[in-house]
Amino acid sequence: MAGSRDIADFGSLDLLENASAAFLEGVKRRMGHLRRAVTNGDIDSDALSAAEKLQWTGWQRRDEINGMVRNLHGLGHSIKGIVRTTQGDCISAGCDEA
């Protein structure tokens, strides 16, 4: 019976979609923990591909600039002042690309 097999396939597909959605939801909830775990370890740049090295260095620059923005905000700087202070750093780090 071809019809019963098709129904079983749709059931399997629904099961797979539910499992995938649950996995993604779990990853989203734990993303902060995952980022901290990754950034606490030393990254061996020799083990990275060229594309991964570009991504890693770009992430480091953006993270440094984000830290600067948080510090300036904590010191009471206005948004306009923060933009003026970090604008050159953002341009060189490619903040508008990410």
N, C-alpha and C. Protein backbone atom coordinates (compact mmCIF):
# COMPACT_ATOMS: atom_id res chain seq x y z
N MET A 1 0.83 -1.18 0.00
CA MET A 1 0.00 0.00 0.00
C MET A 1 0.88 1.25 0.00
N ALA A 2 0.88 1.89 -1.10
CA ALA A 2 1.71 3.09 -1.25
C ALA A 2 1.20 4.22 -0.38
N GLY A 3 -0.10 4.34 -0.21
CA GLY A 3 -0.67 5.42 0.57
C GLY A 3 -0.29 5.34 2.04
N SER A 4 -0.26 4.14 2.61
CA SER A 4 0.09 4.02 4.03
C SER A 4 1.56 4.33 4.26
N ARG A 5 2.40 4.01 3.28
CA ARG A 5 3.83 4.31 3.42
C ARG A 5 4.05 5.82 3.39
N ASP A 6 3.34 6.51 2.54
CA ASP A 6 3.47 7.96 2.45
C ASP A 6 3.07 8.62 3.77
N ILE A 7 2.01 8.12 4.39
CA ILE A 7 1.57 8.67 5.67
C ILE A 7 2.64 8.44 6.73
N ALA A 8 3.26 7.26 6.72
CA ALA A 8 4.32 6.97 7.68
C ALA A 8 5.51 7.89 7.45
N ASP A 9 5.83 8.19 6.20
CA ASP A 9 6.93 9.10 5.89
C ASP A 9 6.65 10.50 6.42
N PHE A 10 5.40 10.96 6.29
CA PHE A 10 5.05 12.28 6.82
C PHE A 10 5.17 12.29 8.33
N GLY A 11 4.82 11.20 9.00
CA GLY A 11 4.96 11.12 10.45
C GLY A 11 6.41 11.21 10.86
N SER A 12 7.29 10.54 10.12
CA SER A 12 8.73 10.60 10.40
C SER A 12 9.27 12.01 10.18
N LEU A 13 8.77 12.66 9.15
CA LEU A 13 9.21 14.02 8.86
C LEU A 13 8.80 14.97 9.98
N ASP A 14 7.56 14.81 10.47
CA ASP A 14 7.11 15.63 11.59
C ASP A 14 7.96 15.40 12.81
N LEU A 15 8.32 14.16 13.07
CA LEU A 15 9.15 13.82 14.22
C LEU A 15 10.53 14.47 14.10
N LEU A 16 11.09 14.40 12.90
CA LEU A 16 12.39 15.01 12.65
C LEU A 16 12.33 16.53 12.81
N GLU A 17 11.28 17.15 12.30
CA GLU A 17 11.12 18.60 12.44
C GLU A 17 11.00 19.00 13.91
N ASN A 18 10.23 18.23 14.68
CA ASN A 18 10.08 18.52 16.10
C ASN A 18 11.40 18.38 16.84
N ALA A 19 12.16 17.34 16.52
CA ALA A 19 13.45 17.14 17.17
C ALA A 19 14.41 18.27 16.82
N SER A 20 14.41 18.66 15.56
CA SER A 20 15.29 19.76 15.13
C SER A 20 14.91 21.06 15.81
N ALA A 21 13.63 21.33 15.89
CA ALA A 21 13.17 22.56 16.55
C ALA A 21 13.54 22.56 18.02
N ALA A 22 13.40 21.41 18.67
CA ALA A 22 13.76 21.32 20.09
C ALA A 22 15.27 21.52 20.29
N PHE A 23 16.07 20.96 19.40
CA PHE A 23 17.52 21.13 19.49
C PHE A 23 17.91 22.60 19.31
N LEU A 24 17.34 23.24 18.29
CA LEU A 24 17.65 24.65 18.05
C LEU A 24 17.21 25.52 19.21
N GLU A 25 16.07 25.23 19.80
CA GLU A 25 15.60 26.00 20.95
C GLU A 25 16.56 25.85 22.13
N GLY A 26 17.04 24.63 22.34
CA GLY A 26 18.01 24.40 23.41
C GLY A 26 19.31 25.14 23.18
N VAL A 27 19.78 25.16 21.94
CA VAL A 27 21.02 25.88 21.62
C VAL A 27 20.82 27.37 21.83
N LYS A 28 19.66 27.90 21.40
CA LYS A 28 19.40 29.33 21.58
C LYS A 28 19.39 29.71 23.05
N ARG A 29 18.80 28.85 23.88
CA ARG A 29 18.74 29.15 25.32
C ARG A 29 20.12 29.13 25.95
N ARG A 30 21.01 28.32 25.42
CA ARG A 30 22.34 28.15 26.01
C ARG A 30 23.43 28.92 25.27
N MET A 31 23.06 29.78 24.31
CA MET A 31 24.04 30.45 23.48
C MET A 31 25.04 31.26 24.30
N GLY A 32 24.58 31.94 25.32
CA GLY A 32 25.50 32.70 26.17
C GLY A 32 26.54 31.80 26.83
N HIS A 33 26.10 30.66 27.33
CA HIS A 33 27.03 29.71 27.95
C HIS A 33 28.02 29.16 26.92
N LEU A 34 27.51 28.89 25.72
CA LEU A 34 28.38 28.36 24.67
C LEU A 34 29.43 29.39 24.27
N ARG A 35 29.02 30.64 24.13
CA ARG A 35 29.99 31.69 23.76
C ARG A 35 31.06 31.84 24.82
N ARG A 36 30.65 31.84 26.09
CA ARG A 36 31.64 31.97 27.16
C ARG A 36 32.59 30.78 27.17
N ALA A 37 32.07 29.59 26.93
CA ALA A 37 32.92 28.40 26.92
C ALA A 37 33.93 28.47 25.78
N VAL A 38 33.50 28.96 24.62
CA VAL A 38 34.40 29.05 23.47
C VAL A 38 35.45 30.13 23.69
N THR A 39 35.06 31.26 24.24
CA THR A 39 36.00 32.37 24.38
C THR A 39 36.95 32.19 25.55
N ASN A 40 36.63 31.32 26.51
CA ASN A 40 37.53 31.11 27.63
C ASN A 40 38.73 30.27 27.23
N GLY A 41 38.58 29.45 26.22
CA GLY A 41 39.68 28.61 25.79
C GLY A 41 40.56 29.33 24.80
N ASP A 42 41.81 28.91 24.74
CA ASP A 42 42.72 29.48 23.75
C ASP A 42 42.46 28.82 22.41
N ILE A 43 42.37 29.63 21.39
CA ILE A 43 42.13 29.13 20.04
C ILE A 43 43.48 28.98 19.35
N ASP A 44 43.75 27.80 18.82
CA ASP A 44 44.97 27.54 18.07
C ASP A 44 44.76 28.03 16.65
N SER A 45 45.35 29.17 16.32
CA SER A 45 45.11 29.77 15.01
C SER A 45 45.68 28.91 13.89
N ASP A 46 46.66 28.06 14.19
CA ASP A 46 47.21 27.17 13.15
C ASP A 46 46.20 26.12 12.73
N ALA A 47 45.27 25.78 13.61
CA ALA A 47 44.28 24.74 13.31
C ALA A 47 43.08 25.29 12.53
N LEU A 48 43.00 26.61 12.38
CA LEU A 48 41.86 27.22 11.69
C LEU A 48 42.13 27.36 10.21
N SER A 49 41.08 27.26 9.42
CA SER A 49 41.20 27.53 7.99
C SER A 49 41.30 29.05 7.80
N ALA A 50 41.60 29.48 6.61
CA ALA A 50 41.72 30.92 6.33
C ALA A 50 40.41 31.64 6.61
N ALA A 51 39.29 31.04 6.21
CA ALA A 51 37.98 31.66 6.45
C ALA A 51 37.69 31.73 7.95
N GLU A 52 38.02 30.68 8.68
CA GLU A 52 37.78 30.67 10.12
C GLU A 52 38.65 31.70 10.82
N LYS A 53 39.89 31.89 10.35
CA LYS A 53 40.76 32.91 10.93
C LYS A 53 40.17 34.30 10.74
N LEU A 54 39.64 34.57 9.54
CA LEU A 54 39.01 35.86 9.29
C LEU A 54 37.81 36.07 10.21
N GLN A 55 37.00 35.04 10.36
CA GLN A 55 35.84 35.14 11.24
C GLN A 55 36.28 35.35 12.68
N TRP A 56 37.29 34.64 13.12
CA TRP A 56 37.76 34.72 14.51
C TRP A 56 38.33 36.10 14.80
N THR A 57 39.18 36.62 13.92
CA THR A 57 39.77 37.94 14.17
C THR A 57 38.70 39.03 14.10
N GLY A 58 37.75 38.89 13.17
CA GLY A 58 36.65 39.85 13.10
C GLY A 58 35.81 39.83 14.36
N TRP A 59 35.55 38.64 14.88
CA TRP A 59 34.76 38.52 16.11
C TRP A 59 35.52 39.16 17.27
N GLN A 60 36.83 38.94 17.35
CA GLN A 60 37.62 39.54 18.43
C GLN A 60 37.56 41.06 18.37
N ARG A 61 37.70 41.63 17.15
CA ARG A 61 37.65 43.09 17.02
C ARG A 61 36.28 43.63 17.43
N ARG A 62 35.22 42.97 16.96
CA ARG A 62 33.87 43.43 17.31
C ARG A 62 33.62 43.30 18.80
N ASP A 63 34.13 42.24 19.41
CA ASP A 63 33.96 42.06 20.84
C ASP A 63 34.69 43.15 21.62
N GLU A 64 35.88 43.52 21.15
CA GLU A 64 36.63 44.60 21.79
C GLU A 64 35.88 45.93 21.68
N ILE A 65 35.32 46.21 20.51
CA ILE A 65 34.57 47.44 20.32
C ILE A 65 33.30 47.43 21.16
N ASN A 66 32.61 46.29 21.24
CA ASN A 66 31.43 46.18 22.09
C ASN A 66 31.78 46.46 23.55
N GLY A 67 32.95 45.97 23.99
CA GLY A 67 33.40 46.26 25.34
C GLY A 67 33.65 47.74 25.56
N MET A 68 34.25 48.39 24.54
CA MET A 68 34.47 49.83 24.64
C MET A 68 33.15 50.57 24.76
N VAL A 69 32.16 50.19 23.97
CA VAL A 69 30.85 50.84 24.01
C VAL A 69 30.22 50.66 25.39
N ARG A 70 30.28 49.45 25.93
CA ARG A 70 29.71 49.21 27.27
C ARG A 70 30.42 50.05 28.33
N ASN A 71 31.76 50.15 28.23
CA ASN A 71 32.51 50.95 29.20
C ASN A 71 32.16 52.43 29.10
N LEU A 72 32.08 52.95 27.87
CA LEU A 72 31.73 54.36 27.69
C LEU A 72 30.32 54.64 28.20
N HIS A 73 29.40 53.72 27.96
CA HIS A 73 28.04 53.87 28.47
C HIS A 73 28.04 53.88 30.00
N GLY A 74 28.84 52.99 30.57
CA GLY A 74 28.94 52.93 32.03
C GLY A 74 29.52 54.21 32.63
N LEU A 75 30.35 54.89 31.88
CA LEU A 75 30.93 56.15 32.34
C LEU A 75 30.00 57.33 32.13
N GLY A 76 28.84 57.08 31.52
CA GLY A 76 27.84 58.13 31.35
C GLY A 76 27.92 58.89 30.04
N HIS A 77 28.67 58.39 29.06
CA HIS A 77 28.76 59.07 27.76
C HIS A 77 27.42 58.95 27.03
N SER A 78 27.11 59.96 26.25
CA SER A 78 25.89 59.92 25.45
C SER A 78 26.09 58.99 24.26
N ILE A 79 24.99 58.60 23.65
CA ILE A 79 25.09 57.73 22.48
C ILE A 79 25.87 58.42 21.36
N LYS A 80 25.59 59.70 21.17
CA LYS A 80 26.30 60.45 20.13
C LYS A 80 27.80 60.48 20.42
N GLY A 81 28.17 60.66 21.68
CA GLY A 81 29.58 60.67 22.05
C GLY A 81 30.24 59.31 21.85
N ILE A 82 29.49 58.25 22.14
CA ILE A 82 30.03 56.90 21.95
C ILE A 82 30.25 56.64 20.47
N VAL A 83 29.31 57.06 19.64
CA VAL A 83 29.45 56.87 18.19
C VAL A 83 30.66 57.62 17.68
N ARG A 84 30.84 58.86 18.14
CA ARG A 84 32.00 59.65 17.70
C ARG A 84 33.30 58.98 18.13
N THR A 85 33.32 58.43 19.33
CA THR A 85 34.54 57.83 19.87
C THR A 85 34.88 56.53 19.15
N THR A 86 33.89 55.72 18.85
CA THR A 86 34.14 54.39 18.30
C THR A 86 33.99 54.30 16.80
N GLN A 87 33.61 55.37 16.13
CA GLN A 87 33.32 55.31 14.70
C GLN A 87 34.51 54.82 13.89
N GLY A 88 35.68 55.32 14.13
CA GLY A 88 36.86 54.88 13.39
C GLY A 88 37.19 53.42 13.64
N ASP A 89 37.01 52.97 14.90
CA ASP A 89 37.27 51.58 15.23
C ASP A 89 36.27 50.66 14.54
N CYS A 90 35.01 51.10 14.49
CA CYS A 90 33.98 50.28 13.85
C CYS A 90 34.22 50.16 12.36
N ILE A 91 34.64 51.23 11.74
CA ILE A 91 34.88 51.19 10.30
C ILE A 91 36.00 50.21 9.99
N SER A 92 37.10 50.25 10.77
CA SER A 92 38.21 49.34 10.50
C SER A 92 37.87 47.90 10.87
N ALA A 93 36.94 47.69 11.81
CA ALA A 93 36.58 46.33 12.20
C ALA A 93 35.44 45.78 11.37
N GLY A 94 34.83 46.59 10.55
CA GLY A 94 33.73 46.12 9.71
C GLY A 94 32.46 45.88 10.48
N CYS A 95 32.15 46.77 11.45
CA CYS A 95 30.95 46.59 12.28
C CYS A 95 29.68 46.60 11.45
N ASP A 96 29.67 47.36 10.37
CA ASP A 96 28.44 47.44 9.58
C ASP A 96 28.20 46.19 8.77
N GLU A 97 29.19 45.31 8.66
CA GLU A 97 29.03 44.08 7.87
C GLU A 97 28.36 42.98 8.67
N ALA A 98 28.49 42.99 9.99
CA ALA A 98 28.00 41.88 10.80
C ALA A 98 26.61 42.11 11.30
